[in-house]
Amino acid sequence: MSTLTIRIPDEKYERLKEYAKEHKISINKLFNELATTVLAQYDAEIRFKVLASKGDVKKGLKLLDKLDEKLQ
């Protein structure tokens, strides 16, 4: 396991401490959970880009248009 030192503004640190306290977790666990979330988003982005590079642009745009219609 690695140790990491970060610099953040005091104001932000205090807010993060408050958040962790309200959720009954340590700052360490909070940052671990934040890192997990960021990496999951990154992995999804990479998977999307790989799939998109193999896909049909016109077909993909038609699907997005359909989604836009349903959301309106």
N, C-alpha and C. Protein backbone atom coordinates (compact mmCIF):
# COMPACT_ATOMS: atom_id res chain seq x y z
N MET A 1 0.85 -1.17 0.00
CA MET A 1 0.00 0.00 0.00
C MET A 1 0.89 1.24 0.00
N SER A 2 0.47 2.25 -0.71
CA SER A 2 1.25 3.49 -0.84
C SER A 2 0.73 4.57 0.09
N THR A 3 1.60 5.49 0.40
CA THR A 3 1.25 6.68 1.18
C THR A 3 1.33 7.87 0.24
N LEU A 4 0.35 8.75 0.33
CA LEU A 4 0.27 9.90 -0.57
C LEU A 4 0.08 11.17 0.25
N THR A 5 0.86 12.17 -0.07
CA THR A 5 0.69 13.48 0.56
C THR A 5 0.11 14.41 -0.50
N ILE A 6 -0.98 15.06 -0.17
CA ILE A 6 -1.58 16.01 -1.12
C ILE A 6 -1.69 17.37 -0.47
N ARG A 7 -1.73 18.39 -1.31
CA ARG A 7 -1.93 19.75 -0.81
C ARG A 7 -3.27 20.24 -1.34
N ILE A 8 -4.13 20.60 -0.42
CA ILE A 8 -5.42 21.19 -0.80
C ILE A 8 -5.66 22.39 0.12
N PRO A 9 -6.46 23.32 -0.34
CA PRO A 9 -6.76 24.48 0.52
C PRO A 9 -7.39 24.03 1.85
N ASP A 10 -7.05 24.75 2.91
CA ASP A 10 -7.58 24.42 4.24
C ASP A 10 -9.09 24.35 4.25
N GLU A 11 -9.73 25.27 3.56
CA GLU A 11 -11.18 25.33 3.51
C GLU A 11 -11.76 24.03 2.95
N LYS A 12 -11.17 23.57 1.89
CA LYS A 12 -11.63 22.33 1.25
C LYS A 12 -11.39 21.13 2.17
N TYR A 13 -10.23 21.11 2.82
CA TYR A 13 -9.91 20.03 3.74
C TYR A 13 -10.93 19.96 4.88
N GLU A 14 -11.28 21.12 5.42
CA GLU A 14 -12.25 21.15 6.52
C GLU A 14 -13.61 20.62 6.06
N ARG A 15 -14.00 20.98 4.85
CA ARG A 15 -15.28 20.49 4.32
C ARG A 15 -15.24 18.98 4.11
N LEU A 16 -14.11 18.48 3.63
CA LEU A 16 -13.97 17.03 3.44
C LEU A 16 -14.00 16.29 4.78
N LYS A 17 -13.35 16.87 5.78
CA LYS A 17 -13.38 16.27 7.13
C LYS A 17 -14.81 16.21 7.64
N GLU A 18 -15.56 17.29 7.42
CA GLU A 18 -16.95 17.35 7.85
C GLU A 18 -17.78 16.27 7.13
N TYR A 19 -17.56 16.17 5.82
CA TYR A 19 -18.28 15.16 5.04
C TYR A 19 -17.98 13.75 5.57
N ALA A 20 -16.69 13.47 5.79
CA ALA A 20 -16.29 12.15 6.28
C ALA A 20 -16.90 11.86 7.64
N LYS A 21 -16.89 12.87 8.49
CA LYS A 21 -17.46 12.69 9.84
C LYS A 21 -18.95 12.39 9.76
N GLU A 22 -19.67 13.13 8.93
CA GLU A 22 -21.12 12.90 8.79
C GLU A 22 -21.43 11.52 8.22
N HIS A 23 -20.52 11.01 7.40
CA HIS A 23 -20.73 9.68 6.80
C HIS A 23 -20.03 8.58 7.59
N LYS A 24 -19.48 8.96 8.72
CA LYS A 24 -18.83 8.03 9.65
C LYS A 24 -17.74 7.21 8.97
N ILE A 25 -16.91 7.89 8.21
CA ILE A 25 -15.75 7.25 7.58
C ILE A 25 -14.53 8.13 7.81
N SER A 26 -13.36 7.54 7.68
CA SER A 26 -12.12 8.31 7.83
C SER A 26 -11.83 9.08 6.55
N ILE A 27 -10.98 10.07 6.67
CA ILE A 27 -10.53 10.82 5.49
C ILE A 27 -9.85 9.85 4.52
N ASN A 28 -9.07 8.92 5.06
CA ASN A 28 -8.39 7.94 4.22
C ASN A 28 -9.41 7.14 3.39
N LYS A 29 -10.46 6.65 4.05
CA LYS A 29 -11.48 5.88 3.34
C LYS A 29 -12.21 6.76 2.33
N LEU A 30 -12.46 8.00 2.68
CA LEU A 30 -13.11 8.93 1.76
C LEU A 30 -12.30 9.08 0.48
N PHE A 31 -10.99 9.32 0.62
CA PHE A 31 -10.15 9.49 -0.56
C PHE A 31 -10.03 8.18 -1.35
N ASN A 32 -10.02 7.06 -0.66
CA ASN A 32 -9.99 5.78 -1.34
C ASN A 32 -11.27 5.60 -2.17
N GLU A 33 -12.41 5.95 -1.61
CA GLU A 33 -13.68 5.84 -2.33
C GLU A 33 -13.73 6.82 -3.50
N LEU A 34 -13.21 8.04 -3.31
CA LEU A 34 -13.17 9.01 -4.40
C LEU A 34 -12.29 8.50 -5.54
N ALA A 35 -11.15 7.92 -5.19
CA ALA A 35 -10.24 7.39 -6.20
C ALA A 35 -10.90 6.23 -6.95
N THR A 36 -11.63 5.38 -6.25
CA THR A 36 -12.34 4.27 -6.89
C THR A 36 -13.36 4.79 -7.87
N THR A 37 -14.10 5.82 -7.49
CA THR A 37 -15.10 6.41 -8.37
C THR A 37 -14.47 7.01 -9.62
N VAL A 38 -13.40 7.75 -9.44
CA VAL A 38 -12.72 8.38 -10.58
C VAL A 38 -12.18 7.31 -11.53
N LEU A 39 -11.59 6.24 -10.98
CA LEU A 39 -11.04 5.19 -11.83
C LEU A 39 -12.14 4.42 -12.56
N ALA A 40 -13.29 4.22 -11.91
CA ALA A 40 -14.41 3.56 -12.58
C ALA A 40 -14.90 4.41 -13.76
N GLN A 41 -14.98 5.72 -13.55
CA GLN A 41 -15.38 6.62 -14.64
C GLN A 41 -14.35 6.59 -15.77
N TYR A 42 -13.09 6.56 -15.41
CA TYR A 42 -12.02 6.52 -16.41
C TYR A 42 -12.10 5.21 -17.22
N ASP A 43 -12.30 4.09 -16.52
CA ASP A 43 -12.42 2.80 -17.20
C ASP A 43 -13.61 2.80 -18.16
N ALA A 44 -14.73 3.37 -17.73
CA ALA A 44 -15.92 3.44 -18.60
C ALA A 44 -15.63 4.29 -19.83
N GLU A 45 -14.92 5.39 -19.64
CA GLU A 45 -14.56 6.27 -20.76
C GLU A 45 -13.68 5.52 -21.76
N ILE A 46 -12.70 4.78 -21.26
CA ILE A 46 -11.80 4.02 -22.13
C ILE A 46 -12.59 2.96 -22.90
N ARG A 47 -13.46 2.22 -22.19
CA ARG A 47 -14.29 1.20 -22.86
C ARG A 47 -15.15 1.83 -23.94
N PHE A 48 -15.75 2.98 -23.62
CA PHE A 48 -16.60 3.68 -24.59
C PHE A 48 -15.78 4.06 -25.82
N LYS A 49 -14.58 4.61 -25.61
CA LYS A 49 -13.75 5.02 -26.74
C LYS A 49 -13.36 3.83 -27.62
N VAL A 50 -13.04 2.71 -26.98
CA VAL A 50 -12.67 1.51 -27.75
C VAL A 50 -13.87 1.04 -28.57
N LEU A 51 -15.03 0.96 -27.94
CA LEU A 51 -16.23 0.53 -28.66
C LEU A 51 -16.59 1.52 -29.76
N ALA A 52 -16.47 2.81 -29.46
CA ALA A 52 -16.81 3.84 -30.44
C ALA A 52 -15.88 3.75 -31.64
N SER A 53 -14.62 3.42 -31.41
CA SER A 53 -13.67 3.35 -32.53
C SER A 53 -13.99 2.18 -33.46
N LYS A 54 -14.74 1.21 -32.95
CA LYS A 54 -15.09 0.04 -33.76
C LYS A 54 -16.49 0.18 -34.37
N GLY A 55 -17.20 1.23 -34.00
CA GLY A 55 -18.59 1.36 -34.39
C GLY A 55 -18.80 2.14 -35.68
N ASP A 56 -20.07 2.22 -36.06
CA ASP A 56 -20.51 2.95 -37.25
C ASP A 56 -21.00 4.32 -36.79
N VAL A 57 -20.36 5.38 -37.26
CA VAL A 57 -20.66 6.74 -36.83
C VAL A 57 -22.12 7.10 -37.12
N LYS A 58 -22.60 6.83 -38.33
CA LYS A 58 -23.98 7.18 -38.69
C LYS A 58 -24.98 6.45 -37.81
N LYS A 59 -24.73 5.18 -37.56
CA LYS A 59 -25.62 4.38 -36.71
C LYS A 59 -25.64 4.95 -35.28
N GLY A 60 -24.45 5.32 -34.79
CA GLY A 60 -24.35 5.88 -33.44
C GLY A 60 -25.08 7.20 -33.32
N LEU A 61 -24.96 8.05 -34.32
CA LEU A 61 -25.66 9.34 -34.29
C LEU A 61 -27.17 9.16 -34.34
N LYS A 62 -27.63 8.18 -35.10
CA LYS A 62 -29.08 7.89 -35.15
C LYS A 62 -29.58 7.45 -33.78
N LEU A 63 -28.79 6.62 -33.10
CA LEU A 63 -29.17 6.18 -31.75
C LEU A 63 -29.23 7.35 -30.78
N LEU A 64 -28.27 8.26 -30.88
CA LEU A 64 -28.28 9.45 -30.01
C LEU A 64 -29.48 10.33 -30.31
N ASP A 65 -29.83 10.47 -31.59
CA ASP A 65 -31.02 11.24 -31.95
C ASP A 65 -32.27 10.63 -31.35
N LYS A 66 -32.37 9.29 -31.38
CA LYS A 66 -33.52 8.59 -30.79
C LYS A 66 -33.59 8.89 -29.29
N LEU A 67 -32.44 8.84 -28.64
CA LEU A 67 -32.39 9.11 -27.21
C LEU A 67 -32.83 10.53 -26.91
N ASP A 68 -32.37 11.49 -27.71
CA ASP A 68 -32.79 12.89 -27.54
C ASP A 68 -34.30 13.04 -27.66
N GLU A 69 -34.89 12.34 -28.64
CA GLU A 69 -36.33 12.41 -28.84
C GLU A 69 -37.07 11.88 -27.62
N LYS A 70 -36.59 10.80 -27.04
CA LYS A 70 -37.25 10.20 -25.88
C LYS A 70 -37.12 11.08 -24.64
N LEU A 71 -36.04 11.82 -24.56
CA LEU A 71 -35.82 12.67 -23.39
C LEU A 71 -36.60 13.98 -23.43
N GLN A 72 -37.14 14.30 -24.60
CA GLN A 72 -37.88 15.56 -24.72
C GLN A 72 -39.34 15.39 -24.43
